[in-house]
Amino acid sequence: MLIGDVARRSGVSARMLRHYEALGLVRPSGRTDSGYREYSDENIRRIFHIESLRSLGLSLHDVGRALDDPGFAPSELVDELIGRTLERIAAENELLTRLRRIGAAGPAGWEEVLQIVSLLQGLESKSPGARQRAALSAAEDGAVPVEALTEAVLNESDPVVAGALRWALVQAGEEATALLAEGLGSPAAEVRDRAVRSIAEIPTTEATALLRDALASPDPVVRECAALALGARGVDDAVPVLIEMIVEERKDADAADALAALAGDPGLAERIAAGLVHCLAHATTGPAARRRLTQALADIPGTTASHAIAELAQDEDRVVALTAAYVLTLREER
């Protein structure tokens, strides 16, 4: 079969067939009297083998080794090809994500496209200063899509940059809240922490609803951040978690302050006091926890707290008794 016929039937151009010959991959079985290359059936089978291996991403050098070296093991090369392919897919997905974000921003002209690209590159910079500047610019210009800001804040480890990104997200409001909600379910603890911190700074009803849901999170860091944020918003759902924080000595001073703020509502003050008293009476509550609970009661107004403090002034634990007696004196002076 002549080279033109081979090219038509195999789909490999005559130019490429001559290139294969120059590399020693396929040598025509002979020549006609006129000097034209002739290919045998075996030549054609080899051409199809070459094309099959090339379709897997092998270089022509590797194709030659695979076909001619009996000791050439494919497993290592296949693993390498898998790695290269995954890298290529990741790069393509990254490009696709960037293009979608630019499209979502609805740029009116190429100047806006260039501005968005610049800000996106800034958010991905290795320099914390560059990332911070990009975050602040994004908030001021509104050019960067919320998806990009959300991804940046969930991956940001620098506390200063993270603060700038959270501020930028606050400007986005409800749209940012929905995206951050996905971060609460992340398998990575640091991502969950960044998500709840960001939600805590968004003053919307949607954010408050998410924080309420986060009170049931199995992650104590998420629960605590949500409880403190809800306490600052006057949401009484946070009370049980805030009391739990005092018992377990996890940001207990902040939790006590949050309870004191919530106790500005007289009806809620009685409920908070009852919860603290219940924990004080629990057999498994240790001495250190009882002291913290007594201190927390000091800032809770109402009769339930006053009666409990009076009883605690006679407590067997000397530190608890002295703390309660001092608090009782202060309350009587008021």
Protein backbone atom coordinates (compact mmCIF):
# COMPACT_ATOMS: atom_id res chain seq x y z
CA MET A 1 0.00 0.00 0.00
CA LEU A 2 1.41 3.40 -0.96
CA ILE A 3 1.80 6.26 1.47
CA GLY A 4 -1.20 8.18 0.11
CA ASP A 5 -3.49 5.17 0.56
CA VAL A 6 -2.17 4.64 4.10
CA ALA A 7 -2.80 8.28 4.94
CA ARG A 8 -6.39 8.12 3.69
CA ARG A 9 -7.22 4.89 5.52
CA SER A 10 -5.41 5.59 8.81
CA GLY A 11 -6.14 9.30 9.14
CA VAL A 12 -2.42 9.94 9.68
CA SER A 13 -1.08 12.51 7.25
CA ALA A 14 1.65 11.62 4.79
CA ARG A 15 3.81 14.25 6.42
CA MET A 16 3.39 12.58 9.82
CA LEU A 17 4.12 9.14 8.31
CA ARG A 18 7.38 10.49 6.94
CA HIS A 19 8.10 11.94 10.42
CA TYR A 20 7.48 8.50 11.96
CA GLU A 21 9.91 7.04 9.47
CA ALA A 22 12.57 9.64 10.31
CA LEU A 23 12.21 8.76 14.01
CA GLY A 24 12.43 5.05 13.28
CA LEU A 25 8.92 4.34 14.51
CA VAL A 26 7.57 2.93 11.22
CA ARG A 27 9.81 1.89 8.36
CA PRO A 28 8.05 1.13 5.06
CA SER A 29 8.50 -2.48 4.01
CA GLY A 30 9.92 -1.41 0.67
CA ARG A 31 9.85 0.93 -2.33
CA THR A 32 8.23 0.66 -5.74
CA ASP A 33 10.25 0.82 -8.92
CA SER A 34 9.34 4.48 -9.03
CA GLY A 35 10.69 5.02 -5.51
CA TYR A 36 7.36 5.34 -3.70
CA ARG A 37 7.11 3.99 -0.17
CA GLU A 38 5.20 0.75 0.27
CA TYR A 39 3.60 -0.23 3.57
CA SER A 40 2.80 -3.79 4.58
CA ASP A 41 -0.12 -4.94 6.71
CA GLU A 42 2.31 -5.16 9.63
CA ASN A 43 3.36 -1.53 9.03
CA ILE A 44 -0.26 -0.44 9.11
CA ARG A 45 -0.94 -2.35 12.35
CA ARG A 46 2.07 -0.59 13.91
CA ILE A 47 0.74 2.80 12.77
CA PHE A 48 -2.56 2.08 14.52
CA HIS A 49 -0.66 0.99 17.66
CA ILE A 50 1.29 4.25 17.59
CA GLU A 51 -1.89 6.31 17.28
CA SER A 52 -3.54 4.36 20.11
CA LEU A 53 -0.64 5.04 22.47
CA ARG A 54 -0.47 8.68 21.43
CA SER A 55 -4.15 9.03 22.31
CA LEU A 56 -3.18 8.22 25.90
CA GLY A 57 -0.83 11.17 25.99
CA LEU A 58 2.44 9.34 25.40
CA SER A 59 5.22 11.20 23.64
CA LEU A 60 6.63 9.67 20.44
CA HIS A 61 9.77 8.77 22.38
CA ASP A 62 7.70 6.83 24.94
CA VAL A 63 5.67 5.22 22.14
CA GLY A 64 8.87 3.90 20.59
CA ARG A 65 10.02 2.48 23.93
CA ALA A 66 6.64 0.88 24.55
CA LEU A 67 6.62 -0.86 21.16
CA ASP A 68 10.29 -1.88 20.89
CA ASP A 69 11.58 -2.43 24.42
CA PRO A 70 10.42 -5.83 25.77
CA GLY A 71 11.38 -4.82 29.31
CA PHE A 72 9.44 -1.56 29.25
CA ALA A 73 6.82 -1.73 32.03
CA PRO A 74 3.73 0.37 31.36
CA SER A 75 2.54 0.79 34.96
CA GLU A 76 5.01 3.52 35.95
CA LEU A 77 4.42 5.51 32.79
CA VAL A 78 0.63 5.13 33.10
CA ASP A 79 0.80 6.45 36.68
CA GLU A 80 2.83 9.41 35.43
CA LEU A 81 0.28 10.05 32.70
CA ILE A 82 -2.53 9.95 35.25
CA GLY A 83 -0.70 12.57 37.32
CA ARG A 84 -0.15 14.82 34.29
CA THR A 85 -3.77 14.46 33.27
CA LEU A 86 -5.04 15.36 36.73
CA GLU A 87 -2.83 18.44 36.74
CA ARG A 88 -4.14 19.43 33.33
CA ILE A 89 -7.75 18.91 34.43
CA ALA A 90 -7.15 21.00 37.57
CA ALA A 91 -5.65 23.80 35.48
CA GLU A 92 -8.57 23.69 33.04
CA ASN A 93 -11.09 23.71 35.89
CA GLU A 94 -9.32 26.68 37.43
CA LEU A 95 -9.48 28.52 34.12
CA LEU A 96 -13.15 27.61 33.72
CA THR A 97 -13.93 28.88 37.21
CA ARG A 98 -12.15 32.14 36.51
CA LEU A 99 -13.98 32.62 33.22
CA ARG A 100 -17.34 31.96 34.89
CA ARG A 101 -16.55 34.48 37.59
CA ILE A 102 -15.62 37.10 35.04
CA GLY A 103 -18.84 36.33 33.17
CA ALA A 104 -20.89 36.59 36.37
CA ALA A 105 -19.47 40.06 37.01
CA GLY A 106 -20.95 41.21 33.69
CA PRO A 107 -18.04 43.38 32.53
CA ALA A 108 -19.05 46.11 30.09
CA GLY A 109 -15.70 46.22 28.35
CA TRP A 110 -12.19 44.80 28.28
CA GLU A 111 -10.97 47.38 30.82
CA GLU A 112 -13.37 45.89 33.36
CA VAL A 113 -12.27 42.37 32.42
CA LEU A 114 -8.65 43.33 33.04
CA GLN A 115 -9.60 44.90 36.37
CA ILE A 116 -11.41 41.73 37.50
CA VAL A 117 -8.52 39.52 36.39
CA SER A 118 -6.09 41.73 38.32
CA LEU A 119 -8.17 41.49 41.49
CA LEU A 120 -8.56 37.73 41.14
CA GLN A 121 -4.80 37.38 40.74
CA GLY A 122 -4.36 39.56 43.81
CA LEU A 123 -6.60 37.29 45.87
CA GLU A 124 -4.46 34.31 44.79
CA SER A 125 -1.14 36.03 45.45
CA LYS A 126 1.44 34.48 47.80
CA SER A 127 1.88 37.90 49.40
CA PRO A 128 -0.51 38.60 52.33
CA GLY A 129 -0.24 42.31 51.60
CA ALA A 130 -1.31 41.82 47.99
CA ARG A 131 -4.24 39.65 49.08
CA GLN A 132 -5.34 42.24 51.60
CA ARG A 133 -5.21 45.04 49.05
CA ALA A 134 -7.21 42.93 46.61
CA ALA A 135 -9.84 42.23 49.27
CA LEU A 136 -10.22 45.90 50.14
CA SER A 137 -10.37 46.87 46.47
CA ALA A 138 -12.96 44.19 45.80
CA ALA A 139 -15.19 45.58 48.54
CA GLU A 140 -14.87 49.14 47.29
CA ASP A 141 -15.26 48.42 43.58
CA GLY A 142 -17.64 45.50 43.75
CA ALA A 143 -15.87 44.05 40.72
CA VAL A 144 -14.95 40.63 42.09
CA PRO A 145 -17.75 38.03 42.16
CA VAL A 146 -18.87 36.95 45.62
CA GLU A 147 -17.91 33.34 44.81
CA ALA A 148 -14.26 34.36 44.51
CA LEU A 149 -14.34 36.31 47.79
CA THR A 150 -16.01 33.40 49.58
CA GLU A 151 -13.44 30.92 48.32
CA ALA A 152 -10.66 33.29 49.34
CA VAL A 153 -11.93 33.79 52.88
CA LEU A 154 -12.47 30.05 53.42
CA ASN A 155 -8.87 29.38 52.40
CA GLU A 156 -7.20 32.37 54.05
CA SER A 157 -4.85 31.58 56.96
CA ASP A 158 -3.52 35.10 57.61
CA PRO A 159 -5.78 36.71 60.26
CA VAL A 160 -5.31 40.25 58.93
CA VAL A 161 -6.17 39.28 55.37
CA ALA A 162 -9.06 37.16 56.61
CA GLY A 163 -10.46 40.20 58.41
CA ALA A 164 -10.32 42.25 55.22
CA LEU A 165 -12.02 39.48 53.27
CA ARG A 166 -14.78 39.13 55.86
CA TRP A 167 -15.35 42.89 55.68
CA ALA A 168 -15.61 42.62 51.90
CA LEU A 169 -18.13 39.79 52.24
CA VAL A 170 -20.29 41.82 54.62
CA GLN A 171 -20.87 44.23 51.76
CA ALA A 172 -22.22 41.33 49.68
CA GLY A 173 -24.88 40.42 52.26
CA GLU A 174 -27.31 37.61 51.50
CA GLU A 175 -25.46 36.21 48.50
CA ALA A 176 -22.33 35.68 50.58
CA THR A 177 -24.31 34.02 53.37
CA ALA A 178 -25.63 31.27 51.11
CA LEU A 179 -22.14 30.49 49.82
CA LEU A 180 -20.57 30.49 53.28
CA ALA A 181 -23.20 28.02 54.47
CA GLU A 182 -21.47 25.34 52.40
CA GLY A 183 -18.26 25.98 54.34
CA LEU A 184 -19.99 25.00 57.60
CA GLY A 185 -20.22 21.44 56.28
CA SER A 186 -16.60 21.23 55.15
CA PRO A 187 -14.59 18.19 56.33
CA ALA A 188 -11.75 20.59 57.20
CA ALA A 189 -12.04 22.11 60.70
CA GLU A 190 -10.22 25.30 59.71
CA VAL A 191 -12.65 25.91 56.85
CA ARG A 192 -15.65 25.44 59.17
CA ASP A 193 -14.08 27.91 61.60
CA ARG A 194 -13.53 30.52 58.85
CA ALA A 195 -17.07 30.03 57.58
CA VAL A 196 -18.78 30.58 60.93
CA ARG A 197 -16.56 33.59 61.71
CA SER A 198 -17.52 35.14 58.41
CA ILE A 199 -21.23 34.45 58.88
CA ALA A 200 -21.04 35.95 62.37
CA GLU A 201 -20.06 39.30 60.85
CA ILE A 202 -22.97 39.47 58.39
CA PRO A 203 -25.88 41.30 60.08
CA THR A 204 -28.78 39.73 58.18
CA THR A 205 -31.68 37.51 59.19
CA GLU A 206 -30.31 34.80 56.88
CA ALA A 207 -26.98 34.87 58.72
CA THR A 208 -28.77 34.69 62.08
CA ALA A 209 -30.72 31.64 60.90
CA LEU A 210 -27.50 29.93 59.86
CA LEU A 211 -25.91 30.70 63.23
CA ARG A 212 -28.93 29.17 64.97
CA ASP A 213 -28.44 25.99 62.94
CA ALA A 214 -24.72 26.04 63.79
CA LEU A 215 -25.54 25.72 67.50
CA ALA A 216 -26.18 22.03 66.80
CA SER A 217 -22.85 21.52 65.03
CA PRO A 218 -20.70 18.63 66.28
CA ASP A 219 -17.73 20.99 66.00
CA PRO A 220 -17.36 22.83 69.35
CA VAL A 221 -15.51 25.75 67.72
CA VAL A 222 -18.42 26.32 65.35
CA ARG A 223 -20.95 26.05 68.19
CA GLU A 224 -19.07 28.51 70.37
CA CYS A 225 -18.56 31.13 67.67
CA ALA A 226 -22.24 30.86 66.72
CA ALA A 227 -23.35 31.17 70.34
CA LEU A 228 -21.24 34.28 70.99
CA ALA A 229 -22.48 35.91 67.80
CA LEU A 230 -26.10 35.10 68.62
CA GLY A 231 -25.66 36.35 72.18
CA ALA A 232 -24.49 39.68 70.78
CA ARG A 233 -27.63 39.75 68.61
CA GLY A 234 -29.87 39.10 71.61
CA VAL A 235 -30.92 35.60 70.46
CA ASP A 236 -31.78 33.46 73.47
CA ASP A 237 -31.23 30.17 71.59
CA ALA A 238 -27.55 30.63 72.44
CA VAL A 239 -28.04 30.34 76.22
CA PRO A 240 -27.48 26.55 76.62
CA VAL A 241 -24.27 26.62 74.57
CA LEU A 242 -22.99 29.69 76.43
CA ILE A 243 -23.54 27.93 79.77
CA GLU A 244 -21.83 24.84 78.38
CA MET A 245 -18.82 26.99 77.45
CA ILE A 246 -18.54 28.24 81.04
CA VAL A 247 -18.70 24.71 82.42
CA GLU A 248 -16.10 23.43 79.97
CA GLU A 249 -13.87 26.53 80.31
CA ARG A 250 -13.95 27.31 76.61
CA LYS A 251 -13.97 31.09 76.15
CA ASP A 252 -15.84 31.15 79.45
CA ALA A 253 -15.25 34.85 80.12
CA ASP A 254 -16.71 35.78 76.72
CA ALA A 255 -19.63 33.42 77.31
CA ALA A 256 -20.33 34.99 80.73
CA ASP A 257 -20.30 38.46 79.16
CA ALA A 258 -22.73 37.28 76.48
CA LEU A 259 -25.08 35.86 79.13
CA ALA A 260 -24.92 39.12 81.08
CA ALA A 261 -25.88 41.05 77.96
CA LEU A 262 -28.79 38.70 77.26
CA ALA A 263 -29.91 39.01 80.88
CA GLY A 264 -30.94 42.60 80.19
CA ASP A 265 -34.31 41.01 79.41
CA PRO A 266 -35.83 40.25 82.87
CA GLY A 267 -37.65 37.15 81.66
CA LEU A 268 -34.52 35.80 80.03
CA ALA A 269 -32.46 36.67 83.12
CA GLU A 270 -34.52 34.20 85.18
CA ARG A 271 -34.04 31.50 82.57
CA ILE A 272 -30.28 32.09 82.44
CA ALA A 273 -30.02 32.02 86.23
CA ALA A 274 -31.99 28.76 86.36
CA GLY A 275 -29.64 27.20 83.84
CA LEU A 276 -26.56 28.24 85.80
CA VAL A 277 -28.07 26.99 89.07
CA HIS A 278 -28.93 23.67 87.45
CA CYS A 279 -25.32 23.18 86.43
CA LEU A 280 -24.10 24.17 89.91
CA ALA A 281 -26.29 21.49 91.46
CA HIS A 282 -25.20 18.78 89.01
CA ALA A 283 -23.13 16.08 90.68
CA THR A 284 -20.60 15.89 87.85
CA THR A 285 -19.78 19.62 87.86
CA GLY A 286 -16.26 19.96 89.23
CA PRO A 287 -14.99 22.59 91.70
CA ALA A 288 -13.36 24.82 89.05
CA ALA A 289 -16.51 24.82 86.94
CA ARG A 290 -18.66 25.66 90.00
CA ARG A 291 -16.45 28.68 90.67
CA ARG A 292 -16.83 29.90 87.09
CA LEU A 293 -20.59 29.40 87.24
CA THR A 294 -20.75 31.39 90.50
CA GLN A 295 -18.83 34.24 88.88
CA ALA A 296 -21.20 34.15 85.90
CA LEU A 297 -24.22 34.40 88.24
CA ALA A 298 -22.83 37.63 89.64
CA ASP A 299 -23.81 39.56 86.52
CA ILE A 300 -27.30 38.07 86.18
CA PRO A 301 -30.05 40.22 87.73
CA GLY A 302 -33.25 38.85 89.28
CA THR A 303 -34.47 36.91 92.28
CA THR A 304 -33.38 33.46 91.07
CA ALA A 305 -29.77 34.59 90.79
CA SER A 306 -29.90 36.46 94.13
CA HIS A 307 -31.28 33.44 96.00
CA ALA A 308 -28.70 31.16 94.42
CA ILE A 309 -25.83 33.50 95.33
CA ALA A 310 -27.09 33.71 98.94
CA GLU A 311 -27.02 29.91 99.19
CA LEU A 312 -23.60 29.72 97.54
CA ALA A 313 -22.24 32.09 100.20
CA GLN A 314 -22.58 29.07 102.55
CA ASP A 315 -21.02 26.61 100.10
CA GLU A 316 -18.54 23.98 101.27
CA ASP A 317 -16.08 25.17 98.65
CA ARG A 318 -14.36 28.12 100.34
CA VAL A 319 -13.54 29.89 97.06
CA VAL A 320 -17.15 29.57 95.89
CA ALA A 321 -18.44 30.81 99.25
CA LEU A 322 -16.11 33.81 99.35
CA THR A 323 -16.94 34.72 95.73
CA ALA A 324 -20.66 34.46 96.39
CA ALA A 325 -20.43 36.49 99.62
CA TYR A 326 -18.56 39.26 97.86
CA VAL A 327 -21.06 39.28 94.98
CA LEU A 328 -23.95 39.29 97.42
CA THR A 329 -22.50 42.37 99.15
CA LEU A 330 -22.22 44.18 95.83
CA ARG A 331 -25.79 43.29 94.87
CA GLU A 332 -27.13 44.53 98.23
CA GLU A 333 -25.28 47.83 97.79
CA ARG A 334 -26.92 48.28 94.40
